[in-house]
C-alpha atoms as a PDB file:
ATOM      1  CA  MET A   1       0.000   0.000   0.000  1.00  0.00           C
ATOM      2  CA  LYS A   2       1.386   3.356  -1.025  1.00  0.00           C
ATOM      3  CA  PRO A   3       0.155   6.106   1.318  1.00  0.00           C
ATOM      4  CA  THR A   4      -1.248   9.225  -0.309  1.00  0.00           C
ATOM      5  CA  SER A   5      -1.843  11.259   2.856  1.00  0.00           C
ATOM      6  CA  ILE A   6      -0.161  11.800   6.176  1.00  0.00           C
ATOM      7  CA  ALA A   7      -2.993   9.895   7.879  1.00  0.00           C
ATOM      8  CA  GLU A   8      -2.440   6.849   5.657  1.00  0.00           C
ATOM      9  CA  ALA A   9       1.316   7.031   6.218  1.00  0.00           C
ATOM     10  CA  PHE A  10       0.804   7.265   9.978  1.00  0.00           C
ATOM     11  CA  GLU A  11      -1.437   4.193   9.886  1.00  0.00           C
ATOM     12  CA  LEU A  12       1.209   2.343   7.884  1.00  0.00           C
ATOM     13  CA  THR A  13       3.773   2.974  10.645  1.00  0.00           C
ATOM     14  CA  LYS A  14       1.505   1.037  13.014  1.00  0.00           C
ATOM     15  CA  LYS A  15       2.052  -2.045  10.830  1.00  0.00           C
ATOM     16  CA  PHE A  16       5.825  -1.977  11.236  1.00  0.00           C
ATOM     17  CA  THR A  17       6.992  -5.268  12.708  1.00  0.00           C
ATOM     18  CA  ARG A  18      10.426  -3.855  13.524  1.00  0.00           C
ATOM     19  CA  ARG A  19      11.040  -0.602  15.357  1.00  0.00           C
ATOM     20  CA  PRO A  20      12.997   1.958  13.303  1.00  0.00           C
ATOM     21  CA  GLY A  21      16.179   3.347  14.833  1.00  0.00           C
ATOM     22  CA  ASN A  22      16.089   6.420  17.048  1.00  0.00           C
ATOM     23  CA  GLU A  23      17.335   8.702  14.264  1.00  0.00           C
ATOM     24  CA  ASP A  24      14.492   7.627  11.968  1.00  0.00           C
ATOM     25  CA  LEU A  25      11.943   7.849  14.787  1.00  0.00           C
ATOM     26  CA  LEU A  26      13.011  11.406  15.565  1.00  0.00           C
ATOM     27  CA  LYS A  27      12.863  12.353  11.891  1.00  0.00           C
ATOM     28  CA  LEU A  28       9.359  10.865  11.631  1.00  0.00           C
ATOM     29  CA  TYR A  29       8.299  12.839  14.704  1.00  0.00           C
ATOM     30  CA  GLY A  30       9.757  16.113  13.455  1.00  0.00           C
ATOM     31  CA  LEU A  31       8.245  15.781   9.995  1.00  0.00           C
ATOM     32  CA  TYR A  32       4.851  14.759  11.391  1.00  0.00           C
ATOM     33  CA  LYS A  33       4.759  17.741  13.748  1.00  0.00           C
ATOM     34  CA  GLN A  34       5.872  20.144  11.001  1.00  0.00           C
ATOM     35  CA  ALA A  35       3.244  18.764   8.621  1.00  0.00           C
ATOM     36  CA  THR A  36       0.433  18.893  11.164  1.00  0.00           C
ATOM     37  CA  ALA A  37       1.308  21.864  13.386  1.00  0.00           C
ATOM     38  CA  GLY A  38       3.749  23.995  11.387  1.00  0.00           C
ATOM     39  CA  ASP A  39       6.848  25.646  12.833  1.00  0.00           C
ATOM     40  CA  ASN A  40       7.827  24.767  16.379  1.00  0.00           C
ATOM     41  CA  THR A  41       7.153  27.772  18.612  1.00  0.00           C
ATOM     42  CA  GLU A  42       7.191  25.836  21.875  1.00  0.00           C
ATOM     43  CA  GLU A  43       9.764  26.423  24.577  1.00  0.00           C
ATOM     44  CA  ARG A  44      12.587  23.902  24.705  1.00  0.00           C
ATOM     45  CA  PRO A  45      12.054  21.373  27.491  1.00  0.00           C
ATOM     46  CA  GLY A  46      14.443  21.916  30.361  1.00  0.00           C
ATOM     47  CA  GLY A  47      16.069  19.757  32.953  1.00  0.00           C
ATOM     48  CA  PHE A  48      17.018  16.211  32.206  1.00  0.00           C
ATOM     49  CA  ASP A  49      14.133  15.294  29.904  1.00  0.00           C
ATOM     50  CA  PHE A  50      16.460  14.249  27.107  1.00  0.00           C
ATOM     51  CA  LYS A  51      13.751  12.473  25.105  1.00  0.00           C
ATOM     52  CA  ALA A  52      11.521  15.560  25.022  1.00  0.00           C
ATOM     53  CA  ALA A  53      14.518  17.749  24.135  1.00  0.00           C
ATOM     54  CA  ALA A  54      15.495  15.414  21.274  1.00  0.00           C
ATOM     55  CA  LYS A  55      11.941  15.487  19.914  1.00  0.00           C
ATOM     56  CA  HIS A  56      11.817  19.275  20.240  1.00  0.00           C
ATOM     57  CA  ASN A  57      15.130  19.626  18.371  1.00  0.00           C
ATOM     58  CA  SER A  58      14.016  17.219  15.656  1.00  0.00           C
ATOM     59  CA  TRP A  59      10.903  19.298  15.016  1.00  0.00           C
ATOM     60  CA  LEU A  60      13.024  22.482  14.925  1.00  0.00           C
ATOM     61  CA  LYS A  61      15.165  21.011  12.120  1.00  0.00           C
ATOM     62  CA  PHE A  62      12.200  21.336   9.752  1.00  0.00           C
ATOM     63  CA  LYS A  63      11.355  24.940  10.645  1.00  0.00           C
ATOM     64  CA  GLY A  64      10.398  26.955   7.592  1.00  0.00           C
ATOM     65  CA  LYS A  65       9.221  23.975   5.546  1.00  0.00           C
ATOM     66  CA  SER A  66       5.635  24.223   4.397  1.00  0.00           C
ATOM     67  CA  LYS A  67       3.144  21.751   5.800  1.00  0.00           C
ATOM     68  CA  GLU A  68       2.796  20.257   2.311  1.00  0.00           C
ATOM     69  CA  GLU A  69       6.553  19.807   1.892  1.00  0.00           C
ATOM     70  CA  ALA A  70       6.880  18.228   5.347  1.00  0.00           C
ATOM     71  CA  GLU A  71       3.946  15.919   4.607  1.00  0.00           C
ATOM     72  CA  ALA A  72       5.557  14.767   1.340  1.00  0.00           C
ATOM     73  CA  MET A  73       8.854  14.129   3.153  1.00  0.00           C
ATOM     74  CA  TYR A  74       7.048  12.204   5.911  1.00  0.00           C
ATOM     75  CA  ILE A  75       5.191  10.015   3.415  1.00  0.00           C
ATOM     76  CA  SER A  76       8.417   9.355   1.514  1.00  0.00           C
ATOM     77  CA  LEU A  77      10.260   8.370   4.698  1.00  0.00           C
ATOM     78  CA  VAL A  78       7.437   6.041   5.773  1.00  0.00           C
ATOM     79  CA  GLU A  79       7.475   4.375   2.327  1.00  0.00           C
ATOM     80  CA  GLN A  80      11.234   3.915   2.583  1.00  0.00           C
ATOM     81  CA  LEU A  81      11.056   2.467   6.121  1.00  0.00           C
ATOM     82  CA  ALA A  82       8.112   0.216   5.222  1.00  0.00           C
ATOM     83  CA  LYS A  83      10.357  -1.698   2.801  1.00  0.00           C
ATOM     84  CA  THR A  84      12.468  -2.997   5.676  1.00  0.00           C
ATOM     85  CA  HIS A  85      10.156  -2.756   8.695  1.00  0.00           C
ATOM     86  CA  ILE A  86       7.008  -4.573   7.553  1.00  0.00           C
END
């Protein structure tokens, strides 16, 4: 199945039988947030919440990309990962 929307791509990730690596997971998160919420304007998490900080930074990497561009990148990444994770 080739996803044509971010919702379809998100559903496809739920069928992964192997967990992608942390780098890919962070990229998926950042692209998804950029595609659905736009630029990250949230404050960076403080303290020792390294997971939240990594997610925040991943989203920031896509700042300035349009929602459409981020959605296309997300779908493309999901398609690529699906080849080896389903």
